[in-house]
C-alpha atoms as a PDB file:
ATOM      1  CA  MET A   1      58.691  76.481 103.767  1.00  0.00           C
ATOM      2  CA  TRP A   2      61.884  74.576 102.942  1.00  0.00           C
ATOM      3  CA  ARG A   3      65.128  75.992 104.270  1.00  0.00           C
ATOM      4  CA  GLU A   4      68.777  75.026 103.802  1.00  0.00           C
ATOM      5  CA  GLY A   5      70.242  72.943 106.578  1.00  0.00           C
ATOM      6  CA  PHE A   6      73.772  74.058 105.713  1.00  0.00           C
ATOM      7  CA  ALA A   7      75.774  75.839 103.055  1.00  0.00           C
ATOM      8  CA  MET A   8      79.350  75.581 101.829  1.00  0.00           C
ATOM      9  CA  ILE A   9      80.925  78.939 101.064  1.00  0.00           C
ATOM     10  CA  SER A  10      84.519  79.757 100.136  1.00  0.00           C
ATOM     11  CA  GLY A  11      86.425  82.969  99.609  1.00  0.00           C
ATOM     12  CA  THR A  12      88.350  85.637 101.468  1.00  0.00           C
ATOM     13  CA  SER A  13      85.376  86.497 103.694  1.00  0.00           C
ATOM     14  CA  MET A  14      85.350  82.931 104.987  1.00  0.00           C
ATOM     15  CA  ALA A  15      89.141  82.700 105.283  1.00  0.00           C
ATOM     16  CA  ALA A  16      89.711  85.995 107.120  1.00  0.00           C
ATOM     17  CA  PRO A  17      88.392  84.950 110.564  1.00  0.00           C
ATOM     18  CA  HIS A  18      90.286  81.669 110.418  1.00  0.00           C
ATOM     19  CA  ILE A  19      93.562  83.390 109.529  1.00  0.00           C
ATOM     20  CA  ALA A  20      93.001  86.056 112.187  1.00  0.00           C
ATOM     21  CA  GLY A  21      92.475  83.359 114.803  1.00  0.00           C
ATOM     22  CA  ILE A  22      95.621  81.473 113.809  1.00  0.00           C
ATOM     23  CA  ALA A  23      97.605  84.731 113.788  1.00  0.00           C
ATOM     24  CA  ALA A  24      96.385  85.430 117.330  1.00  0.00           C
ATOM     25  CA  LEU A  25      97.514  81.949 118.372  1.00  0.00           C
ATOM     26  CA  ILE A  26     100.984  82.597 116.932  1.00  0.00           C
ATOM     27  CA  LYS A  27     101.149  86.017 118.614  1.00  0.00           C
ATOM     28  CA  GLN A  28     100.238  84.463 121.960  1.00  0.00           C
ATOM     29  CA  ASN A  29     103.010  81.904 121.555  1.00  0.00           C
ATOM     30  CA  ASN A  30     105.524  84.483 120.249  1.00  0.00           C
ATOM     31  CA  PRO A  31     104.505  87.864 121.716  1.00  0.00           C
ATOM     32  CA  HIS A  32     107.533  89.719 120.319  1.00  0.00           C
ATOM     33  CA  TRP A  33     106.998  88.751 116.690  1.00  0.00           C
ATOM     34  CA  SER A  34     106.125  91.540 114.289  1.00  0.00           C
ATOM     35  CA  PRO A  35     103.024  91.382 112.064  1.00  0.00           C
ATOM     36  CA  SER A  36     105.210  90.627 109.044  1.00  0.00           C
ATOM     37  CA  ALA A  37     106.963  87.775 110.889  1.00  0.00           C
ATOM     38  CA  ILE A  38     103.578  86.243 111.742  1.00  0.00           C
ATOM     39  CA  LYS A  39     102.461  86.642 108.138  1.00  0.00           C
ATOM     40  CA  SER A  40     105.679  84.963 106.987  1.00  0.00           C
ATOM     41  CA  ALA A  41     105.144  82.006 109.321  1.00  0.00           C
ATOM     42  CA  LEU A  42     101.649  81.486 107.928  1.00  0.00           C
ATOM     43  CA  MET A  43     102.741  81.758 104.301  1.00  0.00           C
ATOM     44  CA  THR A  44     106.003  79.793 104.224  1.00  0.00           C
ATOM     45  CA  THR A  45     104.516  76.752 105.982  1.00  0.00           C
ATOM     46  CA  ALA A  46     101.308  76.603 103.900  1.00  0.00           C
ATOM     47  CA  SER A  47     100.674  73.615 101.638  1.00  0.00           C
ATOM     48  CA  THR A  48      99.687  73.495  97.980  1.00  0.00           C
ATOM     49  CA  LEU A  49      98.359  69.940  98.416  1.00  0.00           C
ATOM     50  CA  ASP A  50      94.966  68.807  99.644  1.00  0.00           C
ATOM     51  CA  ARG A  51      94.412  66.283 102.433  1.00  0.00           C
ATOM     52  CA  GLY A  52      94.837  63.451  99.949  1.00  0.00           C
ATOM     53  CA  GLY A  53      98.277  64.699  98.946  1.00  0.00           C
ATOM     54  CA  ARG A  54      97.056  65.896  95.550  1.00  0.00           C
ATOM     55  CA  PRO A  55      97.504  69.414  94.111  1.00  0.00           C
ATOM     56  CA  ILE A  56      94.798  71.862  95.171  1.00  0.00           C
ATOM     57  CA  LEU A  57      92.220  72.388  92.418  1.00  0.00           C
ATOM     58  CA  ALA A  58      90.295  75.509  91.417  1.00  0.00           C
ATOM     59  CA  GLN A  59      87.009  76.004  89.586  1.00  0.00           C
ATOM     60  CA  GLN A  60      87.265  77.262  86.030  1.00  0.00           C
ATOM     61  CA  TYR A  61      84.402  78.056  83.668  1.00  0.00           C
ATOM     62  CA  SER A  62      84.615  77.550  79.905  1.00  0.00           C
ATOM     63  CA  SER A  63      83.213  80.015  77.366  1.00  0.00           C
ATOM     64  CA  SER A  64      80.081  77.863  77.225  1.00  0.00           C
ATOM     65  CA  GLY A  65      79.600  78.148  80.975  1.00  0.00           C
ATOM     66  CA  ILE A  66      80.673  74.620  81.839  1.00  0.00           C
ATOM     67  CA  MET A  67      82.548  74.375  85.124  1.00  0.00           C
ATOM     68  CA  ASN A  68      85.713  72.281  85.354  1.00  0.00           C
ATOM     69  CA  PHE A  69      88.370  71.740  87.980  1.00  0.00           C
ATOM     70  CA  VAL A  70      91.950  72.672  87.057  1.00  0.00           C
ATOM     71  CA  GLN A  71      95.178  72.759  89.029  1.00  0.00           C
ATOM     72  CA  ALA A  72      95.170  75.908  91.131  1.00  0.00           C
ATOM     73  CA  THR A  73      97.853  78.612  91.042  1.00  0.00           C
ATOM     74  CA  PRO A  74      99.007  81.248  93.568  1.00  0.00           C
ATOM     75  CA  PHE A  75      96.284  83.487  92.117  1.00  0.00           C
ATOM     76  CA  ASP A  76      93.777  80.995  93.548  1.00  0.00           C
ATOM     77  CA  TYR A  77      95.289  79.930  96.865  1.00  0.00           C
ATOM     78  CA  GLY A  78      98.002  82.505  97.606  1.00  0.00           C
ATOM     79  CA  SER A  79     100.711  80.541  99.392  1.00  0.00           C
ATOM     80  CA  GLY A  80      98.397  77.572  99.943  1.00  0.00           C
ATOM     81  CA  ALA A  81      96.309  76.035 102.706  1.00  0.00           C
ATOM     82  CA  VAL A  82      97.449  77.227 106.137  1.00  0.00           C
ATOM     83  CA  ASP A  83      98.940  74.686 108.546  1.00  0.00           C
ATOM     84  CA  PRO A  84      98.514  76.157 112.071  1.00  0.00           C
ATOM     85  CA  LYS A  85     100.834  73.637 113.743  1.00  0.00           C
ATOM     86  CA  ALA A  86     103.647  74.223 111.239  1.00  0.00           C
ATOM     87  CA  ALA A  87     103.161  78.001 111.451  1.00  0.00           C
ATOM     88  CA  LEU A  88     103.983  77.896 115.175  1.00  0.00           C
ATOM     89  CA  ASP A  89     107.444  76.561 114.284  1.00  0.00           C
ATOM     90  CA  PRO A  90     108.390  77.885 110.816  1.00  0.00           C
ATOM     91  CA  GLY A  91     112.159  77.738 111.321  1.00  0.00           C
ATOM     92  CA  LEU A  92     112.807  80.906 109.326  1.00  0.00           C
ATOM     93  CA  VAL A  93     110.797  84.088 108.874  1.00  0.00           C
ATOM     94  CA  LEU A  94     111.043  86.919 106.379  1.00  0.00           C
ATOM     95  CA  ASP A  95     110.509  90.133 108.317  1.00  0.00           C
ATOM     96  CA  SER A  96     109.949  93.464 106.592  1.00  0.00           C
ATOM     97  CA  SER A  97     111.992  95.082 109.354  1.00  0.00           C
ATOM     98  CA  PRO A  98     115.651  94.388 110.209  1.00  0.00           C
ATOM     99  CA  VAL A  99     114.795  94.205 113.915  1.00  0.00           C
ATOM    100  CA  ASN A 100     115.705  90.811 115.421  1.00  0.00           C
ATOM    101  CA  VAL A 101     112.413  88.972 115.959  1.00  0.00           C
ATOM    102  CA  THR A 102     113.868  86.757 118.686  1.00  0.00           C
ATOM    103  CA  ASP A 103     114.301  89.673 121.103  1.00  0.00           C
ATOM    104  CA  PRO A 104     111.755  92.073 122.589  1.00  0.00           C
ATOM    105  CA  PRO A 105     111.983  94.978 120.140  1.00  0.00           C
ATOM    106  CA  ASN A 106     112.221  98.626 120.979  1.00  0.00           C
ATOM    107  CA  SER A 107     108.763  99.644 119.775  1.00  0.00           C
ATOM    108  CA  GLU A 108     109.862 102.989 118.330  1.00  0.00           C
ATOM    109  CA  LEU A 109     112.806 101.422 116.500  1.00  0.00           C
ATOM    110  CA  PHE A 110     110.635  98.633 115.135  1.00  0.00           C
ATOM    111  CA  MET A 111     107.869 100.898 113.902  1.00  0.00           C
ATOM    112  CA  SER A 112     110.385 103.250 112.293  1.00  0.00           C
ATOM    113  CA  ALA A 113     112.193 100.460 110.445  1.00  0.00           C
ATOM    114  CA  ALA A 114     109.016  98.762 109.221  1.00  0.00           C
ATOM    115  CA  TYR A 115     107.487 102.109 108.239  1.00  0.00           C
ATOM    116  CA  GLU A 116     110.513 103.045 106.135  1.00  0.00           C
ATOM    117  CA  ASP A 117     110.374  99.668 104.348  1.00  0.00           C
ATOM    118  CA  TYR A 118     106.833 100.323 103.193  1.00  0.00           C
ATOM    119  CA  ILE A 119     107.553 103.922 102.230  1.00  0.00           C
ATOM    120  CA  LYS A 120     110.321 102.619  99.961  1.00  0.00           C
ATOM    121  CA  PHE A 121     107.858 100.101  98.535  1.00  0.00           C
ATOM    122  CA  LEU A 122     105.249 102.780  97.773  1.00  0.00           C
ATOM    123  CA  CYS A 123     107.863 105.005  96.166  1.00  0.00           C
ATOM    124  CA  SER A 124     109.046 102.138  93.939  1.00  0.00           C
ATOM    125  CA  VAL A 125     105.625 101.407  92.422  1.00  0.00           C
ATOM    126  CA  PRO A 126     105.685 102.442  88.739  1.00  0.00           C
ATOM    127  CA  GLY A 127     103.663 105.581  88.141  1.00  0.00           C
ATOM    128  CA  ALA A 128     103.487 106.481  91.835  1.00  0.00           C
ATOM    129  CA  ASP A 129     103.386 110.216  92.507  1.00  0.00           C
ATOM    130  CA  PRO A 130     106.102 111.124  95.077  1.00  0.00           C
ATOM    131  CA  GLN A 131     104.214 114.263  96.078  1.00  0.00           C
ATOM    132  CA  GLU A 132     101.025 112.303  96.733  1.00  0.00           C
ATOM    133  CA  ILE A 133     102.970 109.783  98.824  1.00  0.00           C
ATOM    134  CA  SER A 134     104.487 112.676 100.769  1.00  0.00           C
ATOM    135  CA  ASN A 135     101.063 114.244 101.347  1.00  0.00           C
ATOM    136  CA  ILE A 136      99.613 110.999 102.686  1.00  0.00           C
ATOM    137  CA  THR A 137     102.562 109.645 104.687  1.00  0.00           C
ATOM    138  CA  ASN A 138     104.483 112.835 105.526  1.00  0.00           C
ATOM    139  CA  SER A 139     107.607 111.050 104.225  1.00  0.00           C
ATOM    140  CA  GLN A 140     109.753 111.855 101.220  1.00  0.00           C
ATOM    141  CA  CYS A 141     110.788 109.459  98.458  1.00  0.00           C
ATOM    142  CA  ASN A 142     114.577 109.463  98.306  1.00  0.00           C
ATOM    143  CA  SER A 143     116.543 109.606  95.084  1.00  0.00           C
ATOM    144  CA  THR A 144     117.473 105.901  95.205  1.00  0.00           C
ATOM    145  CA  ARG A 145     114.559 104.096  93.610  1.00  0.00           C
ATOM    146  CA  SER A 146     114.138 100.409  94.367  1.00  0.00           C
ATOM    147  CA  HIS A 147     111.763  97.856  92.804  1.00  0.00           C
ATOM    148  CA  PRO A 148     108.444  96.702  94.328  1.00  0.00           C
ATOM    149  CA  ALA A 149     109.778  93.122  94.375  1.00  0.00           C
ATOM    150  CA  ASP A 150     112.566  94.221  96.749  1.00  0.00           C
ATOM    151  CA  LEU A 151     110.225  94.379  99.762  1.00  0.00           C
ATOM    152  CA  ASN A 152     111.267  91.500 102.027  1.00  0.00           C
ATOM    153  CA  THR A 153     108.062  89.475 101.753  1.00  0.00           C
ATOM    154  CA  PRO A 154     107.671  85.651 101.709  1.00  0.00           C
ATOM    155  CA  SER A 155     106.747  85.756  98.024  1.00  0.00           C
ATOM    156  CA  ILE A 156     108.271  87.134  94.839  1.00  0.00           C
ATOM    157  CA  THR A 157     106.165  88.773  92.132  1.00  0.00           C
ATOM    158  CA  ILE A 158     107.466  90.555  89.043  1.00  0.00           C
ATOM    159  CA  SER A 159     104.597  91.579  86.783  1.00  0.00           C
ATOM    160  CA  HIS A 160     106.843  93.083  84.088  1.00  0.00           C
ATOM    161  CA  LEU A 161     110.049  91.066  83.716  1.00  0.00           C
ATOM    162  CA  GLU A 162     112.386  92.170  80.954  1.00  0.00           C
ATOM    163  CA  GLY A 163     115.639  90.283  80.443  1.00  0.00           C
ATOM    164  CA  THR A 164     117.066  89.367  83.845  1.00  0.00           C
ATOM    165  CA  GLN A 165     116.230  90.666  87.302  1.00  0.00           C
ATOM    166  CA  THR A 166     117.710  89.703  90.668  1.00  0.00           C
ATOM    167  CA  VAL A 167     115.892  90.221  93.965  1.00  0.00           C
ATOM    168  CA  LYS A 168     117.194  89.729  97.490  1.00  0.00           C
ATOM    169  CA  ARG A 169     115.469  88.160 100.447  1.00  0.00           C
ATOM    170  CA  ARG A 170     116.588  88.066 104.089  1.00  0.00           C
ATOM    171  CA  VAL A 171     115.590  85.207 106.387  1.00  0.00           C
ATOM    172  CA  THR A 172     115.875  85.186 110.171  1.00  0.00           C
ATOM    173  CA  ASN A 173     116.241  81.961 112.146  1.00  0.00           C
ATOM    174  CA  ILE A 174     113.821  81.822 115.087  1.00  0.00           C
ATOM    175  CA  ALA A 175     114.772  78.202 115.886  1.00  0.00           C
ATOM    176  CA  ASP A 176     118.043  76.389 116.540  1.00  0.00           C
ATOM    177  CA  THR A 177     121.001  76.704 114.172  1.00  0.00           C
ATOM    178  CA  GLU A 178     120.129  74.856 110.974  1.00  0.00           C
ATOM    179  CA  THR A 179     121.559  74.251 107.499  1.00  0.00           C
ATOM    180  CA  TYR A 180     119.155  74.762 104.615  1.00  0.00           C
ATOM    181  CA  VAL A 181     119.395  73.400 101.075  1.00  0.00           C
ATOM    182  CA  MET A 182     117.840  75.740  98.492  1.00  0.00           C
ATOM    183  CA  THR A 183     115.949  74.505  95.436  1.00  0.00           C
ATOM    184  CA  ALA A 184     114.034  76.459  92.814  1.00  0.00           C
ATOM    185  CA  LYS A 185     111.611  75.450  90.103  1.00  0.00           C
ATOM    186  CA  MET A 186     109.717  77.553  87.608  1.00  0.00           C
ATOM    187  CA  ALA A 187     107.596  77.200  84.483  1.00  0.00           C
ATOM    188  CA  PRO A 188     109.896  76.800  81.433  1.00  0.00           C
ATOM    189  CA  GLU A 189     109.186  80.305  80.104  1.00  0.00           C
ATOM    190  CA  ILE A 190     111.154  81.822  82.996  1.00  0.00           C
ATOM    191  CA  ALA A 191     114.525  80.656  84.329  1.00  0.00           C
ATOM    192  CA  LEU A 192     114.833  80.852  88.130  1.00  0.00           C
ATOM    193  CA  GLU A 193     118.158  80.545  89.948  1.00  0.00           C
ATOM    194  CA  VAL A 194     118.691  80.875  93.687  1.00  0.00           C
ATOM    195  CA  ASN A 195     122.003  81.583  95.420  1.00  0.00           C
ATOM    196  CA  PRO A 196     123.582  80.327  97.555  1.00  0.00           C
ATOM    197  CA  PRO A 197     122.481  76.703  96.942  1.00  0.00           C
ATOM    198  CA  ALA A 198     122.833  76.004 100.675  1.00  0.00           C
ATOM    199  CA  MET A 199     123.448  78.038 103.803  1.00  0.00           C
ATOM    200  CA  THR A 200     123.689  77.666 107.558  1.00  0.00           C
ATOM    201  CA  VAL A 201     121.656  80.156 109.580  1.00  0.00           C
ATOM    202  CA  LEU A 202     122.630  80.542 113.221  1.00  0.00           C
ATOM    203  CA  SER A 203     119.911  80.741 115.843  1.00  0.00           C
ATOM    204  CA  GLY A 204     118.666  84.335 116.040  1.00  0.00           C
ATOM    205  CA  ALA A 205     120.770  85.397 113.045  1.00  0.00           C
ATOM    206  CA  SER A 206     119.795  86.545 109.558  1.00  0.00           C
ATOM    207  CA  ARG A 207     121.131  85.537 106.151  1.00  0.00           C
ATOM    208  CA  ASP A 208     120.519  86.893 102.662  1.00  0.00           C
ATOM    209  CA  PHE A 209     119.925  84.989  99.459  1.00  0.00           C
ATOM    210  CA  THR A 210     119.156  86.098  95.905  1.00  0.00           C
ATOM    211  CA  ALA A 211     116.716  84.896  93.283  1.00  0.00           C
ATOM    212  CA  THR A 212     117.506  85.642  89.642  1.00  0.00           C
ATOM    213  CA  LEU A 213     114.735  85.461  87.050  1.00  0.00           C
ATOM    214  CA  THR A 214     115.436  85.474  83.310  1.00  0.00           C
ATOM    215  CA  VAL A 215     112.940  85.564  80.445  1.00  0.00           C
ATOM    216  CA  ARG A 216     113.284  82.560  78.150  1.00  0.00           C
ATOM    217  CA  SER A 217     110.142  83.059  76.073  1.00  0.00           C
ATOM    218  CA  VAL A 218     107.278  85.555  76.046  1.00  0.00           C
ATOM    219  CA  THR A 219     103.802  84.037  76.347  1.00  0.00           C
ATOM    220  CA  GLY A 220     101.698  86.968  77.509  1.00  0.00           C
ATOM    221  CA  GLU A 221     100.701  84.988  80.586  1.00  0.00           C
ATOM    222  CA  TYR A 222     101.987  84.685  84.140  1.00  0.00           C
ATOM    223  CA  SER A 223     104.424  81.907  85.006  1.00  0.00           C
ATOM    224  CA  PHE A 224     104.517  80.259  88.426  1.00  0.00           C
ATOM    225  CA  GLY A 225     107.245  78.648  90.491  1.00  0.00           C
ATOM    226  CA  GLU A 226     108.658  78.370  93.970  1.00  0.00           C
ATOM    227  CA  ILE A 227     111.753  78.470  96.118  1.00  0.00           C
ATOM    228  CA  VAL A 228     111.955  75.754  98.770  1.00  0.00           C
ATOM    229  CA  MET A 229     114.405  75.750 101.664  1.00  0.00           C
ATOM    230  CA  LYS A 230     114.765  72.394 103.413  1.00  0.00           C
ATOM    231  CA  GLY A 231     116.498  72.368 106.771  1.00  0.00           C
ATOM    232  CA  ASP A 232     118.508  69.484 108.183  1.00  0.00           C
ATOM    233  CA  LYS A 233     116.336  69.614 111.336  1.00  0.00           C
ATOM    234  CA  GLY A 234     113.056  69.226 109.511  1.00  0.00           C
ATOM    235  CA  HIS A 235     111.935  72.756 108.754  1.00  0.00           C
ATOM    236  CA  ARG A 236     110.615  73.519 105.271  1.00  0.00           C
ATOM    237  CA  VAL A 237     110.234  77.085 104.014  1.00  0.00           C
ATOM    238  CA  ARG A 238     108.393  77.678 100.743  1.00  0.00           C
ATOM    239  CA  ILE A 239     108.270  80.986  98.834  1.00  0.00           C
ATOM    240  CA  PRO A 240     105.947  81.254  95.793  1.00  0.00           C
ATOM    241  CA  VAL A 241     107.291  83.020  92.699  1.00  0.00           C
ATOM    242  CA  VAL A 242     105.178  84.689  89.994  1.00  0.00           C
ATOM    243  CA  ALA A 243     106.425  86.526  86.897  1.00  0.00           C
ATOM    244  CA  MET A 244     105.345  87.620  83.433  1.00  0.00           C
ATOM    245  CA  GLY A 245     108.023  88.005  80.797  1.00  0.00           C
ATOM    246  CA  TYR A 246     108.228  90.827  78.262  1.00  0.00           C
ATOM    247  CA  ARG A 247     110.539  91.455  75.338  1.00  0.00           C
ATOM    248  CA  SER A 248     113.181  93.983  76.288  1.00  0.00           C
END
């Protein structure tokens, strides 16, 4: 009876153990980092290019069932292919909690701050039932409603963009003091502007920046882009941006 000698399989089931192992490596090297800081390091240092320096491709099937390769999007690769070496030294991290990731955190303070961030996120989801959130989390939604895109993650997604929307992100420097130049690019249907255009982040300190997205034309499809922060000491931080424009 003939049997396969090997098989090539891709997907989240195959990626999960690899990512878990790399996350454990980062945690061993930086024991005081929060889960969101580790996630940020993995995401912002990932690459959208293959080993040959070409854009990553994804399989796509036509209506007739013919398979072709097309340029992949964040819906295919997320932030990209993980680079374990770069993730150990990301330069900046986006932490969901305001606790300084360079110092051993007070565990109760850290858990409280991170917990509140995600409660705010749940309460901001359109159609979310505040009473159901309260029943599950034992926390109340306050009267100040934010937007799901306001959670301080190393990506920006706005699934229903009408007119113009500005989101804020906070980065924390876990390396030496460095000056970063900010660039943004986006598909032509959506204008993307980042401010400030450059900033110096002291070692151990945090700085805020904003990304403003404006609908130029409505296509009924998602548009993709990125914000790239290049440091004068060699660090490169990349944040994917996804949005779909609607007529206001």
